[in-house]
Amino acid sequence: MGSKDKTLGHDEFYNIQKPYDLGRVIVYGERDMGWYDYVLVDSSGLTESRSDKCYGSAEIALRDALIEASA
């Protein structure tokens, strides 16, 4: 997991299309430090929403991002 892509200067772990939309759900963070957050990006590339919870799991950050993106 993880890629060479960066978001806000941190590694990206997931970068998927938002449900029902052309925007993106991006989970980023620092594996070595054990934190992950997400950003929701609209189809124009503008940030719609961003978490600052420092999740302990990339998958839980992805779950919450998808819940917010689906609302």
N, C-alpha and C. Protein backbone atom coordinates (compact mmCIF):
# COMPACT_ATOMS: atom_id res chain seq x y z
N MET A 1 0.84 -1.16 0.00
CA MET A 1 0.00 0.00 0.00
C MET A 1 0.90 1.23 0.00
N GLY A 2 0.35 2.34 -0.46
CA GLY A 2 1.15 3.56 -0.55
C GLY A 2 1.70 3.70 -1.95
N SER A 3 1.98 4.89 -2.34
CA SER A 3 2.49 5.14 -3.68
C SER A 3 3.48 6.28 -3.63
N LYS A 4 4.01 6.59 -4.80
CA LYS A 4 4.96 7.69 -4.89
C LYS A 4 4.24 9.03 -5.04
N ASP A 5 2.90 9.00 -5.21
CA ASP A 5 2.14 10.25 -5.31
C ASP A 5 2.07 10.91 -3.94
N LYS A 6 1.99 12.24 -3.96
CA LYS A 6 1.97 13.01 -2.72
C LYS A 6 0.73 13.90 -2.68
N THR A 7 0.18 14.06 -1.50
CA THR A 7 -0.90 15.00 -1.23
C THR A 7 -0.49 15.79 -0.01
N LEU A 8 -0.50 17.10 -0.14
CA LEU A 8 -0.09 17.98 0.95
C LEU A 8 1.27 17.58 1.51
N GLY A 9 2.14 17.08 0.64
CA GLY A 9 3.49 16.71 1.03
C GLY A 9 3.62 15.34 1.68
N HIS A 10 2.54 14.55 1.70
CA HIS A 10 2.55 13.24 2.34
C HIS A 10 2.20 12.16 1.33
N ASP A 11 2.58 10.91 1.63
CA ASP A 11 2.29 9.79 0.74
C ASP A 11 0.79 9.58 0.61
N GLU A 12 0.35 9.22 -0.61
CA GLU A 12 -1.04 8.85 -0.85
C GLU A 12 -1.18 7.34 -0.69
N PHE A 13 -2.24 6.92 -0.02
CA PHE A 13 -2.50 5.50 0.17
C PHE A 13 -3.70 5.04 -0.64
N TYR A 14 -4.67 5.91 -0.85
CA TYR A 14 -5.81 5.64 -1.72
C TYR A 14 -6.11 6.90 -2.50
N ASN A 15 -6.44 6.74 -3.77
CA ASN A 15 -6.87 7.84 -4.63
C ASN A 15 -7.90 7.24 -5.57
N ILE A 16 -9.18 7.37 -5.21
CA ILE A 16 -10.24 6.72 -5.97
C ILE A 16 -11.31 7.74 -6.35
N GLN A 17 -12.12 7.38 -7.36
CA GLN A 17 -13.21 8.25 -7.77
C GLN A 17 -14.29 8.26 -6.70
N LYS A 18 -14.85 9.44 -6.46
CA LYS A 18 -15.95 9.56 -5.49
C LYS A 18 -17.18 8.85 -6.02
N PRO A 19 -17.99 8.29 -5.13
CA PRO A 19 -19.24 7.69 -5.58
C PRO A 19 -20.18 8.78 -6.12
N TYR A 20 -20.84 8.50 -7.22
CA TYR A 20 -21.86 9.39 -7.81
C TYR A 20 -21.30 10.73 -8.30
N ASP A 21 -20.00 10.81 -8.56
CA ASP A 21 -19.37 12.10 -8.85
C ASP A 21 -18.07 11.84 -9.61
N LEU A 22 -17.54 12.86 -10.25
CA LEU A 22 -16.25 12.73 -10.94
C LEU A 22 -15.09 13.22 -10.09
N GLY A 23 -15.36 13.60 -8.84
CA GLY A 23 -14.30 14.03 -7.93
C GLY A 23 -13.49 12.85 -7.43
N ARG A 24 -12.56 13.13 -6.52
CA ARG A 24 -11.66 12.10 -5.99
C ARG A 24 -11.73 12.05 -4.47
N VAL A 25 -11.47 10.88 -3.93
CA VAL A 25 -11.27 10.64 -2.51
C VAL A 25 -9.81 10.25 -2.37
N ILE A 26 -9.06 11.01 -1.60
CA ILE A 26 -7.63 10.74 -1.43
C ILE A 26 -7.33 10.56 0.06
N VAL A 27 -6.72 9.42 0.38
CA VAL A 27 -6.26 9.18 1.75
C VAL A 27 -4.74 9.31 1.72
N TYR A 28 -4.22 10.13 2.58
CA TYR A 28 -2.78 10.40 2.63
C TYR A 28 -2.31 10.33 4.07
N GLY A 29 -1.02 10.29 4.27
CA GLY A 29 -0.51 10.28 5.63
C GLY A 29 0.94 9.86 5.72
N GLU A 30 1.32 9.47 6.91
CA GLU A 30 2.69 9.04 7.21
C GLU A 30 2.64 7.68 7.89
N ARG A 31 2.96 6.62 7.14
CA ARG A 31 2.91 5.26 7.68
C ARG A 31 3.84 5.12 8.89
N ASP A 32 5.05 5.67 8.81
CA ASP A 32 6.02 5.53 9.91
C ASP A 32 5.55 6.19 11.20
N MET A 33 4.75 7.24 11.06
CA MET A 33 4.24 7.94 12.25
C MET A 33 2.84 7.45 12.63
N GLY A 34 2.24 6.62 11.79
CA GLY A 34 0.97 6.00 12.11
C GLY A 34 -0.25 6.91 12.04
N TRP A 35 -0.26 7.88 11.12
CA TRP A 35 -1.45 8.73 10.98
C TRP A 35 -1.83 8.86 9.51
N TYR A 36 -3.15 9.03 9.31
CA TYR A 36 -3.72 9.15 7.97
C TYR A 36 -4.89 10.12 8.03
N ASP A 37 -5.10 10.88 6.98
CA ASP A 37 -6.24 11.77 6.84
C ASP A 37 -6.75 11.66 5.42
N TYR A 38 -7.85 12.35 5.13
CA TYR A 38 -8.39 12.31 3.78
C TYR A 38 -8.72 13.70 3.29
N VAL A 39 -8.82 13.80 1.98
CA VAL A 39 -9.27 15.02 1.33
C VAL A 39 -10.24 14.61 0.23
N LEU A 40 -11.34 15.35 0.11
CA LEU A 40 -12.30 15.16 -0.96
C LEU A 40 -12.10 16.28 -1.96
N VAL A 41 -11.91 15.91 -3.21
CA VAL A 41 -11.61 16.88 -4.28
C VAL A 41 -12.73 16.82 -5.30
N ASP A 42 -13.25 17.98 -5.72
CA ASP A 42 -14.32 17.97 -6.72
C ASP A 42 -13.75 17.75 -8.12
N SER A 43 -14.64 17.68 -9.10
CA SER A 43 -14.21 17.37 -10.47
C SER A 43 -13.34 18.46 -11.09
N SER A 44 -13.34 19.65 -10.50
CA SER A 44 -12.48 20.75 -10.98
C SER A 44 -11.11 20.74 -10.31
N GLY A 45 -10.91 19.83 -9.35
CA GLY A 45 -9.64 19.77 -8.64
C GLY A 45 -9.58 20.61 -7.39
N LEU A 46 -10.73 21.18 -6.99
CA LEU A 46 -10.77 22.02 -5.80
C LEU A 46 -11.12 21.18 -4.57
N THR A 47 -10.53 21.51 -3.44
CA THR A 47 -10.80 20.78 -2.21
C THR A 47 -12.20 21.09 -1.70
N GLU A 48 -12.99 20.03 -1.48
CA GLU A 48 -14.33 20.18 -0.93
C GLU A 48 -14.31 20.03 0.59
N SER A 49 -13.53 19.08 1.07
CA SER A 49 -13.49 18.78 2.49
C SER A 49 -12.17 18.10 2.81
N ARG A 50 -11.74 18.26 4.05
CA ARG A 50 -10.47 17.66 4.48
C ARG A 50 -10.59 17.30 5.94
N SER A 51 -10.11 16.10 6.28
CA SER A 51 -10.14 15.69 7.69
C SER A 51 -8.86 16.14 8.38
N ASP A 52 -8.92 16.19 9.68
CA ASP A 52 -7.72 16.49 10.49
C ASP A 52 -7.77 15.66 11.76
N LYS A 53 -8.19 14.41 11.61
CA LYS A 53 -8.37 13.53 12.77
C LYS A 53 -7.17 12.65 13.08
N CYS A 54 -6.21 12.57 12.17
CA CYS A 54 -5.04 11.70 12.36
C CYS A 54 -5.47 10.27 12.69
N TYR A 55 -6.19 9.67 11.76
CA TYR A 55 -6.65 8.28 11.91
C TYR A 55 -5.45 7.36 12.09
N GLY A 56 -5.62 6.28 12.81
CA GLY A 56 -4.57 5.29 13.01
C GLY A 56 -4.54 4.23 11.92
N SER A 57 -5.49 4.30 10.97
CA SER A 57 -5.59 3.32 9.89
C SER A 57 -6.03 4.02 8.61
N ALA A 58 -5.33 3.72 7.51
CA ALA A 58 -5.71 4.29 6.21
C ALA A 58 -7.09 3.81 5.80
N GLU A 59 -7.44 2.58 6.14
CA GLU A 59 -8.73 2.02 5.76
C GLU A 59 -9.88 2.70 6.50
N ILE A 60 -9.68 3.04 7.76
CA ILE A 60 -10.73 3.73 8.51
C ILE A 60 -10.89 5.15 7.98
N ALA A 61 -9.79 5.81 7.62
CA ALA A 61 -9.87 7.13 6.99
C ALA A 61 -10.63 7.04 5.68
N LEU A 62 -10.36 5.98 4.89
CA LEU A 62 -11.08 5.79 3.62
C LEU A 62 -12.56 5.57 3.87
N ARG A 63 -12.90 4.75 4.86
CA ARG A 63 -14.31 4.51 5.19
C ARG A 63 -15.03 5.82 5.50
N ASP A 64 -14.45 6.65 6.38
CA ASP A 64 -15.09 7.91 6.75
C ASP A 64 -15.16 8.87 5.57
N ALA A 65 -14.14 8.86 4.72
CA ALA A 65 -14.15 9.71 3.53
C ALA A 65 -15.29 9.31 2.59
N LEU A 66 -15.48 8.01 2.40
CA LEU A 66 -16.56 7.54 1.53
C LEU A 66 -17.93 7.85 2.11
N ILE A 67 -18.05 7.76 3.43
CA ILE A 67 -19.31 8.12 4.07
C ILE A 67 -19.60 9.60 3.84
N GLU A 68 -18.62 10.45 4.03
CA GLU A 68 -18.83 11.89 3.82
C GLU A 68 -19.10 12.20 2.35
N ALA A 69 -18.38 11.53 1.45
CA ALA A 69 -18.56 11.78 0.01
C ALA A 69 -19.94 11.33 -0.46
N SER A 70 -20.54 10.37 0.22
CA SER A 70 -21.84 9.84 -0.19
C SER A 70 -23.00 10.62 0.39
N ALA A 71 -22.71 11.48 1.34
CA ALA A 71 -23.79 12.22 2.03
C ALA A 71 -24.37 13.31 1.16
